[in-house]
C-alpha atoms as a PDB file:
ATOM      1  CA  UNK A   1     -72.023  43.752  18.875  1.00  0.00           C
ATOM      2  CA  UNK A   2     -72.785  46.780  16.663  1.00  0.00           C
ATOM      3  CA  UNK A   3     -76.324  47.263  15.322  1.00  0.00           C
ATOM      4  CA  UNK A   4     -77.124  49.621  12.470  1.00  0.00           C
ATOM      5  CA  UNK A   5     -80.482  50.457  10.909  1.00  0.00           C
ATOM      6  CA  UNK A   6     -80.209  50.474   7.117  1.00  0.00           C
ATOM      7  CA  UNK A   7     -83.351  51.387   5.188  1.00  0.00           C
ATOM      8  CA  UNK A   8     -85.433  49.888   7.988  1.00  0.00           C
ATOM      9  CA  UNK A   9     -83.342  46.711   8.289  1.00  0.00           C
ATOM     10  CA  UNK A  10     -81.273  46.040  11.387  1.00  0.00           C
ATOM     11  CA  UNK A  11     -77.844  44.669  10.603  1.00  0.00           C
ATOM     12  CA  UNK A  12     -75.646  43.353  13.414  1.00  0.00           C
ATOM     13  CA  UNK A  13     -71.888  42.974  13.253  1.00  0.00           C
ATOM     14  CA  UNK A  14     -70.025  40.542  15.487  1.00  0.00           C
ATOM     15  CA  UNK A  15     -66.607  42.036  14.824  1.00  0.00           C
ATOM     16  CA  UNK A  16     -64.773  44.472  12.587  1.00  0.00           C
ATOM     17  CA  UNK A  17     -63.432  41.762  10.275  1.00  0.00           C
ATOM     18  CA  UNK A  18     -66.484  39.499   9.993  1.00  0.00           C
ATOM     19  CA  UNK A  19     -66.522  36.053   8.467  1.00  0.00           C
ATOM     20  CA  UNK A  20     -67.374  34.619   5.070  1.00  0.00           C
ATOM     21  CA  UNK A  21     -68.978  36.446   2.136  1.00  0.00           C
ATOM     22  CA  UNK A  22     -65.676  37.433   0.598  1.00  0.00           C
ATOM     23  CA  UNK A  23     -63.909  39.058   3.515  1.00  0.00           C
ATOM     24  CA  UNK A  24     -60.656  39.786   1.693  1.00  0.00           C
ATOM     25  CA  UNK A  25     -58.818  40.572   4.919  1.00  0.00           C
ATOM     26  CA  UNK A  26     -59.388  37.070   6.274  1.00  0.00           C
ATOM     27  CA  UNK A  27     -58.744  35.424   2.914  1.00  0.00           C
ATOM     28  CA  UNK A  28     -55.361  37.076   2.489  1.00  0.00           C
ATOM     29  CA  UNK A  29     -54.393  36.524   6.102  1.00  0.00           C
ATOM     30  CA  UNK A  30     -53.195  40.127   6.237  1.00  0.00           C
ATOM     31  CA  UNK A  31     -50.160  39.371   4.054  1.00  0.00           C
ATOM     32  CA  UNK A  32     -51.038  41.528   1.031  1.00  0.00           C
ATOM     33  CA  UNK A  33     -50.753  45.260   0.815  1.00  0.00           C
ATOM     34  CA  UNK A  34     -53.840  47.408   1.484  1.00  0.00           C
ATOM     35  CA  UNK A  35     -54.467  48.142  -2.212  1.00  0.00           C
ATOM     36  CA  UNK A  36     -54.426  44.437  -3.094  1.00  0.00           C
ATOM     37  CA  UNK A  37     -56.777  43.674  -0.215  1.00  0.00           C
ATOM     38  CA  UNK A  38     -59.195  46.422  -1.321  1.00  0.00           C
ATOM     39  CA  UNK A  39     -59.062  45.133  -4.903  1.00  0.00           C
ATOM     40  CA  UNK A  40     -59.869  41.646  -3.681  1.00  0.00           C
ATOM     41  CA  UNK A  41     -62.688  43.012  -1.549  1.00  0.00           C
ATOM     42  CA  UNK A  42     -64.140  44.929  -4.514  1.00  0.00           C
ATOM     43  CA  UNK A  43     -64.082  41.791  -6.667  1.00  0.00           C
ATOM     44  CA  UNK A  44     -65.742  39.816  -3.855  1.00  0.00           C
ATOM     45  CA  UNK A  45     -68.494  42.422  -3.482  1.00  0.00           C
ATOM     46  CA  UNK A  46     -69.136  42.500  -7.250  1.00  0.00           C
ATOM     47  CA  UNK A  47     -69.332  38.696  -7.286  1.00  0.00           C
ATOM     48  CA  UNK A  48     -71.715  38.796  -4.298  1.00  0.00           C
ATOM     49  CA  UNK A  49     -73.809  41.463  -6.090  1.00  0.00           C
ATOM     50  CA  UNK A  50     -74.157  39.372  -9.241  1.00  0.00           C
ATOM     51  CA  UNK A  51     -75.221  36.338  -7.222  1.00  0.00           C
ATOM     52  CA  UNK A  52     -77.657  38.487  -5.234  1.00  0.00           C
ATOM     53  CA  UNK A  53     -79.101  40.051  -8.402  1.00  0.00           C
ATOM     54  CA  UNK A  54     -79.640  36.653 -10.053  1.00  0.00           C
ATOM     55  CA  UNK A  55     -81.483  35.368  -6.985  1.00  0.00           C
ATOM     56  CA  UNK A  56     -83.647  38.476  -6.584  1.00  0.00           C
ATOM     57  CA  UNK A  57     -85.408  38.619  -9.935  1.00  0.00           C
ATOM     58  CA  UNK A  58     -88.858  37.728  -8.549  1.00  0.00           C
ATOM     59  CA  UNK A  59     -88.502  39.225  -5.061  1.00  0.00           C
ATOM     60  CA  UNK A  60     -90.369  42.157  -3.560  1.00  0.00           C
ATOM     61  CA  UNK A  61     -88.345  44.925  -1.929  1.00  0.00           C
ATOM     62  CA  UNK A  62     -89.068  43.489   1.522  1.00  0.00           C
ATOM     63  CA  UNK A  63     -87.945  40.020   0.444  1.00  0.00           C
ATOM     64  CA  UNK A  64     -84.794  41.457  -1.163  1.00  0.00           C
ATOM     65  CA  UNK A  65     -83.993  43.395   2.034  1.00  0.00           C
ATOM     66  CA  UNK A  66     -84.409  40.208   4.047  1.00  0.00           C
ATOM     67  CA  UNK A  67     -82.084  38.313   1.710  1.00  0.00           C
ATOM     68  CA  UNK A  68     -79.572  41.209   1.818  1.00  0.00           C
ATOM     69  CA  UNK A  69     -79.188  40.676   5.577  1.00  0.00           C
ATOM     70  CA  UNK A  70     -76.863  37.764   4.768  1.00  0.00           C
ATOM     71  CA  UNK A  71     -74.266  40.393   3.737  1.00  0.00           C
ATOM     72  CA  UNK A  72     -74.463  42.358   7.004  1.00  0.00           C
ATOM     73  CA  UNK A  73     -70.810  41.533   7.735  1.00  0.00           C
ATOM     74  CA  UNK A  74     -69.521  42.629   4.304  1.00  0.00           C
ATOM     75  CA  UNK A  75     -68.507  46.296   4.012  1.00  0.00           C
ATOM     76  CA  UNK A  76     -68.757  48.091   0.669  1.00  0.00           C
ATOM     77  CA  UNK A  77     -65.472  48.118  -1.254  1.00  0.00           C
ATOM     78  CA  UNK A  78     -63.124  50.677   0.291  1.00  0.00           C
ATOM     79  CA  UNK A  79     -62.477  53.545  -2.122  1.00  0.00           C
ATOM     80  CA  UNK A  80     -64.607  51.948  -4.842  1.00  0.00           C
ATOM     81  CA  UNK A  81     -68.216  52.070  -6.009  1.00  0.00           C
ATOM     82  CA  UNK A  82     -70.783  49.877  -4.265  1.00  0.00           C
ATOM     83  CA  UNK A  83     -73.459  47.988  -6.240  1.00  0.00           C
ATOM     84  CA  UNK A  84     -77.136  48.378  -5.336  1.00  0.00           C
ATOM     85  CA  UNK A  85     -80.088  46.467  -6.751  1.00  0.00           C
ATOM     86  CA  UNK A  86     -82.966  48.552  -8.111  1.00  0.00           C
ATOM     87  CA  UNK A  87     -86.206  47.265  -6.606  1.00  0.00           C
ATOM     88  CA  UNK A  88     -88.867  49.517  -8.088  1.00  0.00           C
ATOM     89  CA  UNK A  89     -91.983  48.601 -10.057  1.00  0.00           C
ATOM     90  CA  UNK A  90     -90.875  48.996 -13.677  1.00  0.00           C
ATOM     91  CA  UNK A  91     -87.983  51.400 -13.190  1.00  0.00           C
ATOM     92  CA  UNK A  92     -86.270  53.980 -10.971  1.00  0.00           C
ATOM     93  CA  UNK A  93     -85.832  57.563 -12.151  1.00  0.00           C
ATOM     94  CA  UNK A  94     -82.339  59.056 -12.095  1.00  0.00           C
ATOM     95  CA  UNK A  95     -82.150  62.779 -11.340  1.00  0.00           C
ATOM     96  CA  UNK A  96     -79.506  65.460 -11.804  1.00  0.00           C
ATOM     97  CA  UNK A  97     -79.584  66.358  -8.091  1.00  0.00           C
ATOM     98  CA  UNK A  98     -81.217  65.054  -4.918  1.00  0.00           C
ATOM     99  CA  UNK A  99     -83.275  68.212  -4.418  1.00  0.00           C
ATOM    100  CA  UNK A 100     -86.520  69.414  -5.980  1.00  0.00           C
ATOM    101  CA  UNK A 101     -84.525  71.431  -8.533  1.00  0.00           C
ATOM    102  CA  UNK A 102     -83.130  68.226 -10.032  1.00  0.00           C
ATOM    103  CA  UNK A 103     -84.563  67.045 -13.313  1.00  0.00           C
ATOM    104  CA  UNK A 104     -85.028  63.549 -14.656  1.00  0.00           C
ATOM    105  CA  UNK A 105     -82.016  62.234 -16.539  1.00  0.00           C
ATOM    106  CA  UNK A 106     -83.225  58.764 -17.404  1.00  0.00           C
ATOM    107  CA  UNK A 107     -84.306  55.682 -15.533  1.00  0.00           C
ATOM    108  CA  UNK A 108     -82.789  52.362 -14.477  1.00  0.00           C
ATOM    109  CA  UNK A 109     -84.715  49.126 -15.019  1.00  0.00           C
ATOM    110  CA  UNK A 110     -86.108  47.203 -12.068  1.00  0.00           C
ATOM    111  CA  UNK A 111     -83.769  44.428 -10.808  1.00  0.00           C
ATOM    112  CA  UNK A 112     -80.658  45.925 -12.400  1.00  0.00           C
ATOM    113  CA  UNK A 113     -77.534  47.062 -10.574  1.00  0.00           C
ATOM    114  CA  UNK A 114     -76.498  50.684 -10.118  1.00  0.00           C
ATOM    115  CA  UNK A 115     -73.077  51.696  -8.793  1.00  0.00           C
ATOM    116  CA  UNK A 116     -73.033  54.103  -5.857  1.00  0.00           C
ATOM    117  CA  UNK A 117     -70.314  56.299  -4.424  1.00  0.00           C
ATOM    118  CA  UNK A 118     -72.041  58.082  -1.544  1.00  0.00           C
ATOM    119  CA  UNK A 119     -75.351  59.085   0.026  1.00  0.00           C
ATOM    120  CA  UNK A 120     -76.947  62.281   1.274  1.00  0.00           C
ATOM    121  CA  UNK A 121     -80.177  63.386   2.904  1.00  0.00           C
ATOM    122  CA  UNK A 122     -82.362  65.962   1.189  1.00  0.00           C
ATOM    123  CA  UNK A 123     -85.549  67.734   2.185  1.00  0.00           C
ATOM    124  CA  UNK A 124     -86.958  66.358  -1.088  1.00  0.00           C
ATOM    125  CA  UNK A 125     -88.675  63.086  -0.173  1.00  0.00           C
ATOM    126  CA  UNK A 126     -90.618  61.616  -3.110  1.00  0.00           C
ATOM    127  CA  UNK A 127     -92.173  58.831  -1.003  1.00  0.00           C
ATOM    128  CA  UNK A 128     -93.526  60.221   2.246  1.00  0.00           C
ATOM    129  CA  UNK A 129     -94.882  56.952   3.636  1.00  0.00           C
ATOM    130  CA  UNK A 130     -91.631  54.961   3.808  1.00  0.00           C
ATOM    131  CA  UNK A 131     -88.802  54.782   6.342  1.00  0.00           C
ATOM    132  CA  UNK A 132     -86.084  56.267   4.115  1.00  0.00           C
ATOM    133  CA  UNK A 133     -86.925  59.956   4.721  1.00  0.00           C
ATOM    134  CA  UNK A 134     -85.189  61.768   1.858  1.00  0.00           C
ATOM    135  CA  UNK A 135     -82.032  59.654   1.520  1.00  0.00           C
ATOM    136  CA  UNK A 136     -80.499  59.837  -1.960  1.00  0.00           C
ATOM    137  CA  UNK A 137     -77.667  57.801  -3.464  1.00  0.00           C
ATOM    138  CA  UNK A 138     -75.165  59.227  -5.979  1.00  0.00           C
ATOM    139  CA  UNK A 139     -74.580  56.710  -8.774  1.00  0.00           C
ATOM    140  CA  UNK A 140     -72.490  56.484 -11.930  1.00  0.00           C
ATOM    141  CA  UNK A 141     -74.637  57.222 -14.984  1.00  0.00           C
ATOM    142  CA  UNK A 142     -73.883  57.400 -18.725  1.00  0.00           C
ATOM    143  CA  UNK A 143     -75.788  60.582 -19.676  1.00  0.00           C
ATOM    144  CA  UNK A 144     -77.617  63.460 -18.017  1.00  0.00           C
ATOM    145  CA  UNK A 145     -79.859  64.395 -20.937  1.00  0.00           C
ATOM    146  CA  UNK A 146     -83.365  65.436 -19.869  1.00  0.00           C
ATOM    147  CA  UNK A 147     -85.926  62.686 -20.176  1.00  0.00           C
ATOM    148  CA  UNK A 148     -87.020  59.255 -19.096  1.00  0.00           C
ATOM    149  CA  UNK A 149     -84.847  57.083 -21.372  1.00  0.00           C
ATOM    150  CA  UNK A 150     -84.118  53.676 -19.883  1.00  0.00           C
ATOM    151  CA  UNK A 151     -80.397  53.115 -19.371  1.00  0.00           C
ATOM    152  CA  UNK A 152     -78.097  51.007 -17.263  1.00  0.00           C
ATOM    153  CA  UNK A 153     -75.483  52.064 -14.739  1.00  0.00           C
ATOM    154  CA  UNK A 154     -71.909  50.855 -15.121  1.00  0.00           C
ATOM    155  CA  UNK A 155     -69.088  51.510 -12.688  1.00  0.00           C
ATOM    156  CA  UNK A 156     -67.139  53.038 -15.601  1.00  0.00           C
ATOM    157  CA  UNK A 157     -69.856  55.548 -16.579  1.00  0.00           C
ATOM    158  CA  UNK A 158     -68.446  59.075 -16.859  1.00  0.00           C
ATOM    159  CA  UNK A 159     -71.206  61.044 -15.090  1.00  0.00           C
ATOM    160  CA  UNK A 160     -73.122  60.957 -11.835  1.00  0.00           C
ATOM    161  CA  UNK A 161     -76.835  61.014 -11.142  1.00  0.00           C
ATOM    162  CA  UNK A 162     -79.022  60.635  -8.062  1.00  0.00           C
ATOM    163  CA  UNK A 163     -81.560  57.950  -7.164  1.00  0.00           C
ATOM    164  CA  UNK A 164     -83.946  57.648  -4.245  1.00  0.00           C
ATOM    165  CA  UNK A 165     -82.616  55.164  -1.674  1.00  0.00           C
ATOM    166  CA  UNK A 166     -86.088  53.838  -0.889  1.00  0.00           C
ATOM    167  CA  UNK A 167     -86.036  51.878  -4.144  1.00  0.00           C
ATOM    168  CA  UNK A 168     -82.575  50.325  -3.697  1.00  0.00           C
ATOM    169  CA  UNK A 169     -81.201  47.344  -1.804  1.00  0.00           C
ATOM    170  CA  UNK A 170     -77.465  46.937  -1.091  1.00  0.00           C
ATOM    171  CA  UNK A 171     -76.209  44.121  -3.322  1.00  0.00           C
ATOM    172  CA  UNK A 172     -73.460  41.960  -1.876  1.00  0.00           C
ATOM    173  CA  UNK A 173     -72.515  44.345   0.970  1.00  0.00           C
ATOM    174  CA  UNK A 174     -74.023  45.952   4.061  1.00  0.00           C
ATOM    175  CA  UNK A 175     -74.899  49.303   2.461  1.00  0.00           C
ATOM    176  CA  UNK A 176     -72.823  51.525   4.726  1.00  0.00           C
ATOM    177  CA  UNK A 177     -71.410  53.803   2.027  1.00  0.00           C
ATOM    178  CA  UNK A 178     -69.832  57.132   2.855  1.00  0.00           C
ATOM    179  CA  UNK A 179     -71.801  60.366   3.180  1.00  0.00           C
ATOM    180  CA  UNK A 180     -71.341  62.808   0.289  1.00  0.00           C
END
């Protein structure tokens, strides 16, 4: 059994392939090619994320993290963006970089999805009293204009911005995205 701490939540895996929650490997029986399996996995994760988002509208971050544990056996889509639910009072600021030199480039509404490609750790930690310790997530973002305009993240957005991981919950997957 493999245990991983993710934003203060312990997720345990029974095996590499897992069961349920859209495991495209087990659903295809290994007969499709790798690209088709990854495409099926990505669609499963997006479906899981939408279901998770709809059920999380009134949840606190702690409650959302607890509910997210049901996806501990679901990896993020291989080679694709991974959805995360914003769980921040009001909104979550998007920045141009994960360091103190980064400037605000908008904000994502609370309880919306953002689409992440990778994570990094920075010495810039905007919330010193949480367990995340300077972890930042690179997301797709439509514009990097200075300011606090409210926008939404789409997987097809042309640019990338950074958000603090302490205000995100993996949506429909276990949150183990690659390191930038």
